[in-house]
C-alpha atoms as a PDB file:
ATOM      1  CA  MET A   1     -25.441  18.685   8.331  1.00  0.00           C
ATOM      2  CA  THR A   2     -24.334  15.042   8.366  1.00  0.00           C
ATOM      3  CA  ASN A   3     -20.761  14.031   9.140  1.00  0.00           C
ATOM      4  CA  ASN A   4     -20.509  11.350   6.480  1.00  0.00           C
ATOM      5  CA  ILE A   5     -17.361  10.096   4.763  1.00  0.00           C
ATOM      6  CA  LYS A   6     -16.555  12.414   1.850  1.00  0.00           C
ATOM      7  CA  GLY A   7     -13.314  10.982   0.472  1.00  0.00           C
ATOM      8  CA  ILE A   8     -11.285   7.780   0.370  1.00  0.00           C
ATOM      9  CA  ILE A   9      -7.562   7.536  -0.350  1.00  0.00           C
ATOM     10  CA  PHE A  10      -6.400   4.192  -1.727  1.00  0.00           C
ATOM     11  CA  ASP A  11      -2.973   2.645  -2.006  1.00  0.00           C
ATOM     12  CA  TRP A  12      -2.055   1.151  -5.378  1.00  0.00           C
ATOM     13  CA  ALA A  13      -0.015  -2.109  -5.522  1.00  0.00           C
ATOM     14  CA  GLY A  14      -1.574  -4.790  -3.340  1.00  0.00           C
ATOM     15  CA  THR A  15      -4.711  -2.735  -2.692  1.00  0.00           C
ATOM     16  CA  THR A  16      -6.237  -1.715  -6.028  1.00  0.00           C
ATOM     17  CA  VAL A  17      -3.834  -3.243  -8.601  1.00  0.00           C
ATOM     18  CA  ASP A  18      -1.093  -5.917  -8.752  1.00  0.00           C
ATOM     19  CA  TYR A  19      -2.590  -8.814  -6.784  1.00  0.00           C
ATOM     20  CA  GLY A  20      -0.096  -9.804  -4.098  1.00  0.00           C
ATOM     21  CA  CYS A  21       2.123  -6.789  -4.840  1.00  0.00           C
ATOM     22  CA  PHE A  22       4.635  -8.840  -6.825  1.00  0.00           C
ATOM     23  CA  ALA A  23       6.170  -6.261  -9.167  1.00  0.00           C
ATOM     24  CA  PRO A  24       8.525  -4.580  -6.673  1.00  0.00           C
ATOM     25  CA  VAL A  25       9.200  -7.723  -4.629  1.00  0.00           C
ATOM     26  CA  GLN A  26      10.859  -9.687  -7.398  1.00  0.00           C
ATOM     27  CA  VAL A  27      12.979  -6.698  -8.420  1.00  0.00           C
ATOM     28  CA  PHE A  28      14.148  -6.022  -4.853  1.00  0.00           C
ATOM     29  CA  ARG A  29      15.279  -9.629  -4.599  1.00  0.00           C
ATOM     30  CA  GLU A  30      17.034  -9.504  -7.961  1.00  0.00           C
ATOM     31  CA  VAL A  31      19.039  -6.335  -7.309  1.00  0.00           C
ATOM     32  CA  PHE A  32      20.399  -7.759  -4.063  1.00  0.00           C
ATOM     33  CA  TYR A  33      21.077 -11.129  -5.714  1.00  0.00           C
ATOM     34  CA  ASN A  34      23.106  -9.316  -8.356  1.00  0.00           C
ATOM     35  CA  ARG A  35      25.321  -8.063  -5.496  1.00  0.00           C
ATOM     36  CA  ASN A  36      25.680 -11.665  -4.224  1.00  0.00           C
ATOM     37  CA  VAL A  37      23.339 -11.097  -1.288  1.00  0.00           C
ATOM     38  CA  GLU A  38      20.139 -13.150  -1.148  1.00  0.00           C
ATOM     39  CA  ILE A  39      17.077 -11.719   0.572  1.00  0.00           C
ATOM     40  CA  THR A  40      13.874 -13.605   1.301  1.00  0.00           C
ATOM     41  CA  TYR A  41      10.399 -12.700   0.080  1.00  0.00           C
ATOM     42  CA  GLU A  42       9.552 -11.745   3.649  1.00  0.00           C
ATOM     43  CA  GLU A  43      12.541  -9.379   3.870  1.00  0.00           C
ATOM     44  CA  ALA A  44      11.705  -7.873   0.488  1.00  0.00           C
ATOM     45  CA  ARG A  45       8.110  -7.247   1.574  1.00  0.00           C
ATOM     46  CA  ALA A  46       8.634  -6.027   5.131  1.00  0.00           C
ATOM     47  CA  PRO A  47       9.111  -2.283   4.345  1.00  0.00           C
ATOM     48  CA  MET A  48       6.455  -2.268   1.599  1.00  0.00           C
ATOM     49  CA  GLY A  49       4.747   1.077   1.141  1.00  0.00           C
ATOM     50  CA  LEU A  50       7.846   3.218   1.609  1.00  0.00           C
ATOM     51  CA  LEU A  51       9.418   5.324  -1.128  1.00  0.00           C
ATOM     52  CA  LYS A  52      11.440   2.748  -3.052  1.00  0.00           C
ATOM     53  CA  ILE A  53      14.907   4.085  -2.181  1.00  0.00           C
ATOM     54  CA  ASP A  54      13.816   4.184   1.477  1.00  0.00           C
ATOM     55  CA  HIS A  55      12.598   0.607   1.043  1.00  0.00           C
ATOM     56  CA  ILE A  56      16.056  -0.476  -0.127  1.00  0.00           C
ATOM     57  CA  ARG A  57      17.647   1.394   2.775  1.00  0.00           C
ATOM     58  CA  ALA A  58      15.313  -0.396   5.198  1.00  0.00           C
ATOM     59  CA  ILE A  59      16.301  -3.796   3.766  1.00  0.00           C
ATOM     60  CA  CYS A  60      19.986  -2.912   4.116  1.00  0.00           C
ATOM     61  CA  ASP A  61      19.371  -2.021   7.771  1.00  0.00           C
ATOM     62  CA  MET A  62      17.927  -5.455   8.578  1.00  0.00           C
ATOM     63  CA  ASP A  63      20.344  -7.317  10.842  1.00  0.00           C
ATOM     64  CA  ARG A  64      20.457 -10.536   8.826  1.00  0.00           C
ATOM     65  CA  VAL A  65      20.844  -8.738   5.487  1.00  0.00           C
ATOM     66  CA  LYS A  66      23.518  -6.472   6.909  1.00  0.00           C
ATOM     67  CA  GLU A  67      25.449  -9.459   8.254  1.00  0.00           C
ATOM     68  CA  GLU A  68      25.331 -11.231   4.891  1.00  0.00           C
ATOM     69  CA  TRP A  69      26.367  -8.034   3.105  1.00  0.00           C
ATOM     70  CA  ILE A  70      29.370  -7.710   5.444  1.00  0.00           C
ATOM     71  CA  SER A  71      30.350 -11.337   4.849  1.00  0.00           C
ATOM     72  CA  VAL A  72      30.301 -10.754   1.078  1.00  0.00           C
ATOM     73  CA  HIS A  73      31.585  -7.178   0.798  1.00  0.00           C
ATOM     74  CA  GLY A  74      33.653  -6.808   3.959  1.00  0.00           C
ATOM     75  CA  LYS A  75      31.701  -3.890   5.419  1.00  0.00           C
ATOM     76  CA  ALA A  76      28.144  -2.771   6.105  1.00  0.00           C
ATOM     77  CA  PRO A  77      26.153  -1.311   3.186  1.00  0.00           C
ATOM     78  CA  THR A  78      26.816   2.397   2.781  1.00  0.00           C
ATOM     79  CA  LYS A  79      24.742   5.301   1.483  1.00  0.00           C
ATOM     80  CA  LYS A  80      26.511   4.831  -1.847  1.00  0.00           C
ATOM     81  CA  ASP A  81      25.569   1.137  -1.895  1.00  0.00           C
ATOM     82  CA  VAL A  82      21.913   2.058  -1.351  1.00  0.00           C
ATOM     83  CA  GLU A  83      22.093   4.561  -4.210  1.00  0.00           C
ATOM     84  CA  ARG A  84      23.679   1.981  -6.523  1.00  0.00           C
ATOM     85  CA  LEU A  85      21.066  -0.620  -5.627  1.00  0.00           C
ATOM     86  CA  TYR A  86      18.355   1.892  -6.428  1.00  0.00           C
ATOM     87  CA  GLU A  87      20.057   2.772  -9.717  1.00  0.00           C
ATOM     88  CA  ASP A  88      19.779  -0.922 -10.608  1.00  0.00           C
ATOM     89  CA  PHE A  89      16.240  -1.215  -9.241  1.00  0.00           C
ATOM     90  CA  GLU A  90      14.547   1.603 -11.123  1.00  0.00           C
ATOM     91  CA  PRO A  91      15.144   0.510 -14.751  1.00  0.00           C
ATOM     92  CA  MET A  92      14.405  -3.117 -13.876  1.00  0.00           C
ATOM     93  CA  LEU A  93      11.083  -2.131 -12.328  1.00  0.00           C
ATOM     94  CA  PHE A  94      10.178   0.114 -15.259  1.00  0.00           C
ATOM     95  CA  SER A  95      10.725  -2.817 -17.609  1.00  0.00           C
ATOM     96  CA  ILE A  96       7.924  -4.856 -15.982  1.00  0.00           C
ATOM     97  CA  LEU A  97       5.528  -2.286 -14.457  1.00  0.00           C
ATOM     98  CA  GLU A  98       3.017  -2.279 -17.306  1.00  0.00           C
ATOM     99  CA  HIS A  99       2.322  -5.961 -16.626  1.00  0.00           C
ATOM    100  CA  TYR A 100       1.326  -5.305 -12.989  1.00  0.00           C
ATOM    101  CA  ALA A 101      -1.512  -2.794 -13.295  1.00  0.00           C
ATOM    102  CA  GLU A 102      -4.514  -5.113 -13.471  1.00  0.00           C
ATOM    103  CA  PRO A 103      -7.209  -4.048 -10.979  1.00  0.00           C
ATOM    104  CA  LEU A 104      -7.868  -6.469  -8.135  1.00  0.00           C
ATOM    105  CA  PRO A 105     -11.222  -8.286  -7.945  1.00  0.00           C
ATOM    106  CA  HIS A 106     -14.138  -6.020  -6.938  1.00  0.00           C
ATOM    107  CA  VAL A 107     -12.155  -2.786  -7.439  1.00  0.00           C
ATOM    108  CA  LEU A 108     -14.102  -1.494 -10.432  1.00  0.00           C
ATOM    109  CA  ASP A 109     -17.520  -2.272  -8.915  1.00  0.00           C
ATOM    110  CA  THR A 110     -16.493  -0.693  -5.613  1.00  0.00           C
ATOM    111  CA  MET A 111     -15.259   2.489  -7.308  1.00  0.00           C
ATOM    112  CA  ASN A 112     -18.567   2.780  -9.180  1.00  0.00           C
ATOM    113  CA  SER A 113     -20.430   2.403  -5.892  1.00  0.00           C
ATOM    114  CA  LEU A 114     -18.324   5.123  -4.248  1.00  0.00           C
ATOM    115  CA  ARG A 115     -18.818   7.540  -7.133  1.00  0.00           C
ATOM    116  CA  ASN A 116     -22.558   6.922  -7.126  1.00  0.00           C
ATOM    117  CA  ALA A 117     -22.491   7.873  -3.437  1.00  0.00           C
ATOM    118  CA  GLY A 118     -20.666  11.121  -4.251  1.00  0.00           C
ATOM    119  CA  ILE A 119     -17.435  10.078  -2.527  1.00  0.00           C
ATOM    120  CA  ALA A 120     -14.157  11.469  -3.913  1.00  0.00           C
ATOM    121  CA  ILE A 121     -11.423   8.939  -4.714  1.00  0.00           C
ATOM    122  CA  GLY A 122      -7.765   9.755  -4.093  1.00  0.00           C
ATOM    123  CA  SER A 123      -4.613   7.660  -3.957  1.00  0.00           C
ATOM    124  CA  THR A 124      -1.099   7.539  -2.528  1.00  0.00           C
ATOM    125  CA  THR A 125       1.822   5.309  -3.440  1.00  0.00           C
ATOM    126  CA  GLY A 126       5.436   4.436  -2.742  1.00  0.00           C
ATOM    127  CA  TYR A 127       6.088   4.625  -6.489  1.00  0.00           C
ATOM    128  CA  THR A 128       7.640   7.739  -8.027  1.00  0.00           C
ATOM    129  CA  GLU A 129       5.787  10.052 -10.413  1.00  0.00           C
ATOM    130  CA  GLU A 130       7.500   8.450 -13.408  1.00  0.00           C
ATOM    131  CA  MET A 131       6.555   4.952 -12.264  1.00  0.00           C
ATOM    132  CA  MET A 132       2.967   6.023 -11.703  1.00  0.00           C
ATOM    133  CA  HIS A 133       2.708   7.353 -15.246  1.00  0.00           C
ATOM    134  CA  VAL A 134       3.086   3.735 -16.376  1.00  0.00           C
ATOM    135  CA  ILE A 135       0.858   2.153 -13.725  1.00  0.00           C
ATOM    136  CA  ALA A 136      -1.925   4.762 -13.983  1.00  0.00           C
ATOM    137  CA  ARG A 137      -1.989   4.583 -17.784  1.00  0.00           C
ATOM    138  CA  GLU A 138      -2.286   0.808 -17.834  1.00  0.00           C
ATOM    139  CA  ALA A 139      -4.835   0.755 -15.000  1.00  0.00           C
ATOM    140  CA  GLN A 140      -6.939   3.349 -16.817  1.00  0.00           C
ATOM    141  CA  HIS A 141      -6.975   1.141 -19.901  1.00  0.00           C
ATOM    142  CA  GLN A 142      -8.447  -1.591 -17.678  1.00  0.00           C
ATOM    143  CA  GLY A 143     -11.095   0.651 -16.121  1.00  0.00           C
ATOM    144  CA  TYR A 144      -9.511   1.986 -12.926  1.00  0.00           C
ATOM    145  CA  GLU A 145      -8.836   5.704 -12.580  1.00  0.00           C
ATOM    146  CA  PRO A 146      -8.933   7.526  -9.210  1.00  0.00           C
ATOM    147  CA  ASP A 147      -9.765  11.225  -9.147  1.00  0.00           C
ATOM    148  CA  HIS A 148      -6.344  12.124  -7.737  1.00  0.00           C
ATOM    149  CA  ILE A 149      -2.888  10.550  -7.521  1.00  0.00           C
ATOM    150  CA  VAL A 150      -0.167  11.784  -5.178  1.00  0.00           C
ATOM    151  CA  THR A 151       3.236  10.082  -5.320  1.00  0.00           C
ATOM    152  CA  SER A 152       5.948   9.924  -2.697  1.00  0.00           C
ATOM    153  CA  THR A 153       8.243  12.106  -4.819  1.00  0.00           C
ATOM    154  CA  GLU A 154       5.689  14.948  -4.867  1.00  0.00           C
ATOM    155  CA  ALA A 155       5.569  15.233  -1.071  1.00  0.00           C
ATOM    156  CA  PRO A 156       8.234  16.325   1.462  1.00  0.00           C
ATOM    157  CA  ALA A 157       8.441  12.675   2.600  1.00  0.00           C
ATOM    158  CA  GLY A 158       6.671   9.419   1.862  1.00  0.00           C
ATOM    159  CA  ARG A 159       4.896   7.053   4.210  1.00  0.00           C
ATOM    160  CA  PRO A 160       4.378   6.815   7.122  1.00  0.00           C
ATOM    161  CA  TYR A 161       4.292  10.620   7.051  1.00  0.00           C
ATOM    162  CA  PRO A 162       0.802  12.019   6.347  1.00  0.00           C
ATOM    163  CA  TRP A 163       1.796  14.540   3.666  1.00  0.00           C
ATOM    164  CA  MET A 164       0.477  12.596   0.672  1.00  0.00           C
ATOM    165  CA  CYS A 165      -2.883  12.223   2.407  1.00  0.00           C
ATOM    166  CA  TYR A 166      -2.991  15.947   3.137  1.00  0.00           C
ATOM    167  CA  MET A 167      -2.176  16.739  -0.496  1.00  0.00           C
ATOM    168  CA  ASN A 168      -5.038  14.473  -1.590  1.00  0.00           C
ATOM    169  CA  ALA A 169      -7.380  16.174   0.865  1.00  0.00           C
ATOM    170  CA  MET A 170      -6.501  19.593  -0.572  1.00  0.00           C
ATOM    171  CA  ARG A 171      -7.036  18.439  -4.164  1.00  0.00           C
ATOM    172  CA  MET A 172     -10.289  16.723  -3.214  1.00  0.00           C
ATOM    173  CA  ASN A 173     -11.346  19.762  -1.141  1.00  0.00           C
ATOM    174  CA  VAL A 174     -12.335  17.476   1.726  1.00  0.00           C
ATOM    175  CA  TYR A 175     -12.071  18.418   5.403  1.00  0.00           C
ATOM    176  CA  PRO A 176     -11.955  17.459   8.267  1.00  0.00           C
ATOM    177  CA  MET A 177      -9.705  14.426   7.985  1.00  0.00           C
ATOM    178  CA  LYS A 178     -12.076  12.351  10.153  1.00  0.00           C
ATOM    179  CA  GLN A 179     -14.412  12.360   7.134  1.00  0.00           C
ATOM    180  CA  MET A 180     -11.836  10.504   5.079  1.00  0.00           C
ATOM    181  CA  ILE A 181     -10.672   6.886   4.980  1.00  0.00           C
ATOM    182  CA  LYS A 182      -7.232   5.595   4.038  1.00  0.00           C
ATOM    183  CA  VAL A 183      -7.347   2.097   2.527  1.00  0.00           C
ATOM    184  CA  GLY A 184      -4.147   0.088   2.126  1.00  0.00           C
ATOM    185  CA  ASP A 185      -2.599  -3.340   2.486  1.00  0.00           C
ATOM    186  CA  THR A 186       0.539  -2.798   4.584  1.00  0.00           C
ATOM    187  CA  VAL A 187       1.584  -1.645   8.049  1.00  0.00           C
ATOM    188  CA  THR A 188       3.043   1.497   6.468  1.00  0.00           C
ATOM    189  CA  ASP A 189      -0.326   2.279   4.846  1.00  0.00           C
ATOM    190  CA  ILE A 190      -2.050   1.957   8.201  1.00  0.00           C
ATOM    191  CA  LYS A 191       0.412   4.288   9.901  1.00  0.00           C
ATOM    192  CA  GLU A 192       0.058   6.822   7.086  1.00  0.00           C
ATOM    193  CA  GLY A 193      -3.696   6.973   7.638  1.00  0.00           C
ATOM    194  CA  LEU A 194      -3.383   7.172  11.410  1.00  0.00           C
ATOM    195  CA  ASN A 195      -0.794   9.934  11.216  1.00  0.00           C
ATOM    196  CA  ALA A 196      -3.141  11.894   8.942  1.00  0.00           C
ATOM    197  CA  GLY A 197      -6.009  11.625  11.447  1.00  0.00           C
ATOM    198  CA  MET A 198      -8.069   9.454   9.117  1.00  0.00           C
ATOM    199  CA  TRP A 199      -9.964   6.205   9.515  1.00  0.00           C
ATOM    200  CA  SER A 200      -7.324   3.621   8.648  1.00  0.00           C
ATOM    201  CA  VAL A 201      -8.613   0.491   6.898  1.00  0.00           C
ATOM    202  CA  ALA A 202      -6.713  -2.506   5.536  1.00  0.00           C
ATOM    203  CA  THR A 203      -7.579  -5.224   3.034  1.00  0.00           C
ATOM    204  CA  ILE A 204      -6.114  -8.738   3.090  1.00  0.00           C
ATOM    205  CA  LEU A 205      -6.793 -10.692  -0.115  1.00  0.00           C
ATOM    206  CA  GLY A 206      -4.360  -9.465  -2.771  1.00  0.00           C
ATOM    207  CA  SER A 207      -2.255  -7.656  -0.185  1.00  0.00           C
ATOM    208  CA  SER A 208       1.485  -7.559   0.253  1.00  0.00           C
ATOM    209  CA  THR A 209       0.912  -8.463   3.897  1.00  0.00           C
ATOM    210  CA  LEU A 210      -0.679 -11.765   2.880  1.00  0.00           C
ATOM    211  CA  GLY A 211       1.845 -12.099   0.057  1.00  0.00           C
ATOM    212  CA  LEU A 212       0.007 -14.691  -2.024  1.00  0.00           C
ATOM    213  CA  SER A 213      -0.837 -14.764  -5.712  1.00  0.00           C
ATOM    214  CA  LYS A 214      -4.467 -15.041  -6.809  1.00  0.00           C
ATOM    215  CA  GLU A 215      -3.796 -18.590  -7.987  1.00  0.00           C
ATOM    216  CA  SER A 216      -2.356 -19.538  -4.585  1.00  0.00           C
ATOM    217  CA  VAL A 217      -5.378 -18.074  -2.780  1.00  0.00           C
ATOM    218  CA  GLU A 218      -7.743 -20.014  -5.038  1.00  0.00           C
ATOM    219  CA  THR A 219      -5.916 -23.356  -4.727  1.00  0.00           C
ATOM    220  CA  MET A 220      -4.575 -23.305  -1.159  1.00  0.00           C
ATOM    221  CA  GLU A 221      -6.032 -25.748   1.341  1.00  0.00           C
ATOM    222  CA  PRO A 222      -8.792 -23.808   3.171  1.00  0.00           C
ATOM    223  CA  ASP A 223      -7.436 -24.265   6.708  1.00  0.00           C
ATOM    224  CA  ASN A 224      -3.984 -23.152   5.607  1.00  0.00           C
ATOM    225  CA  LEU A 225      -5.392 -20.110   3.814  1.00  0.00           C
ATOM    226  CA  SER A 226      -7.526 -19.201   6.823  1.00  0.00           C
ATOM    227  CA  GLU A 227      -4.475 -19.380   9.078  1.00  0.00           C
ATOM    228  CA  ARG A 228      -2.498 -17.104   6.743  1.00  0.00           C
ATOM    229  CA  VAL A 229      -5.394 -14.638   6.454  1.00  0.00           C
ATOM    230  CA  GLU A 230      -5.858 -14.431  10.219  1.00  0.00           C
ATOM    231  CA  ALA A 231      -2.124 -13.895  10.762  1.00  0.00           C
ATOM    232  CA  ALA A 232      -2.245 -11.004   8.269  1.00  0.00           C
ATOM    233  CA  ARG A 233      -5.354  -9.611   9.941  1.00  0.00           C
ATOM    234  CA  LYS A 234      -3.645  -9.653  13.350  1.00  0.00           C
ATOM    235  CA  LYS A 235      -0.542  -7.918  11.976  1.00  0.00           C
ATOM    236  CA  LEU A 236      -2.647  -5.119  10.464  1.00  0.00           C
ATOM    237  CA  TYR A 237      -4.782  -4.680  13.585  1.00  0.00           C
ATOM    238  CA  ASP A 238      -1.611  -4.650  15.705  1.00  0.00           C
ATOM    239  CA  ALA A 239      -0.345  -1.810  13.494  1.00  0.00           C
ATOM    240  CA  GLY A 240      -3.396   0.214  14.533  1.00  0.00           C
ATOM    241  CA  ALA A 241      -5.938  -0.404  11.770  1.00  0.00           C
ATOM    242  CA  HIS A 242      -9.440   0.640  12.754  1.00  0.00           C
ATOM    243  CA  PHE A 243     -10.895  -2.056  10.499  1.00  0.00           C
ATOM    244  CA  VAL A 244      -9.427  -4.942   8.466  1.00  0.00           C
ATOM    245  CA  LEU A 245     -11.495  -6.272   5.550  1.00  0.00           C
ATOM    246  CA  ASP A 246     -11.115  -9.495   3.602  1.00  0.00           C
ATOM    247  CA  ASP A 247     -11.366  -7.524   0.362  1.00  0.00           C
ATOM    248  CA  ILE A 248     -12.428  -4.175  -1.027  1.00  0.00           C
ATOM    249  CA  SER A 249     -15.990  -5.308  -1.783  1.00  0.00           C
ATOM    250  CA  GLU A 250     -16.742  -4.919   1.942  1.00  0.00           C
ATOM    251  CA  LEU A 251     -15.897  -1.203   1.870  1.00  0.00           C
ATOM    252  CA  PRO A 252     -19.337   0.277   0.990  1.00  0.00           C
ATOM    253  CA  ALA A 253     -20.954  -1.493   3.954  1.00  0.00           C
ATOM    254  CA  LEU A 254     -18.121  -0.344   6.206  1.00  0.00           C
ATOM    255  CA  ILE A 255     -18.662   3.253   5.083  1.00  0.00           C
ATOM    256  CA  ASP A 256     -22.280   3.006   6.226  1.00  0.00           C
ATOM    257  CA  HIS A 257     -21.019   1.730   9.590  1.00  0.00           C
ATOM    258  CA  ILE A 258     -18.466   4.549   9.938  1.00  0.00           C
ATOM    259  CA  ASN A 259     -21.044   7.150   8.908  1.00  0.00           C
ATOM    260  CA  LYS A 260     -23.236   5.963  11.760  1.00  0.00           C
ATOM    261  CA  LYS A 261     -20.339   6.324  14.190  1.00  0.00           C
ATOM    262  CA  LEU A 262     -19.509   9.795  12.913  1.00  0.00           C
ATOM    263  CA  ASN A 263     -23.081  10.985  13.285  1.00  0.00           C
ATOM    264  CA  GLU A 264     -23.151   9.587  16.809  1.00  0.00           C
ATOM    265  CA  GLY A 265     -20.139  11.782  17.635  1.00  0.00           C
ATOM    266  CA  GLU A 266     -17.456   9.101  17.400  1.00  0.00           C
ATOM    267  CA  HIS A 267     -14.285   9.725  15.408  1.00  0.00           C
ATOM    268  CA  THR A 268     -10.831   8.280  14.814  1.00  0.00           C
ATOM    269  CA  ALA A 269      -9.199   9.929  17.831  1.00  0.00           C
ATOM    270  CA  LEU A 270     -11.515   7.943  20.098  1.00  0.00           C
ATOM    271  CA  LEU A 271     -10.434   4.669  18.484  1.00  0.00           C
ATOM    272  CA  SER A 272      -6.668   5.161  18.192  1.00  0.00           C
END
């Protein structure tokens, strides 16, 4: 019996939909701005992949943000402040989500290739179940529909814990975990895959880690773009990624490469 890859678990925003992962970023910035605290795009993106309330908590814990919050509000952000920020965040995000579900380039062709190869397609996300109802519906209308979706609110904890990956594996009836790949676009995605004992793969173009719109990628001076891409690649490899791809179209060839490694007796534990 061959030890080929049987299932792949994809992230959503920045990996399969929402080029550049812009939907949550602009809302994170706005909710803090409404409390007279400005956060940068980099600060808004840094915890990307976490459950959204955990994401807000992580921003509040950043030294610079905390210092500015203290200067404005007289004390460090509290648990109640985090809850209030999230209460503002959720309806604002819901109001724009349907506009950020367009599949990234090559996603539909890649999914067809995986299905033709008999590979199950799962997904995890930092969005809640309610948010995913919107995203999944709109993505389906545009041709993208994974076999399984597990949200951070369905599991005991979100990323970087492996629980969502395990829940996907159970629903996909795939085991062992070394015969699965996690594909994402952030450091948190990579750690989720590693913690689950999976091959952990990242993509760059369209990712939150790169943080560029499709228009910016297409119009940026080539040397500048290459520098940004390589910086993102290094960050993802430093986080422990087994492989970092330019985009998802490279995945089928990578699967062939991993299958060869698996059938030669190599697995993720030997690479981590």
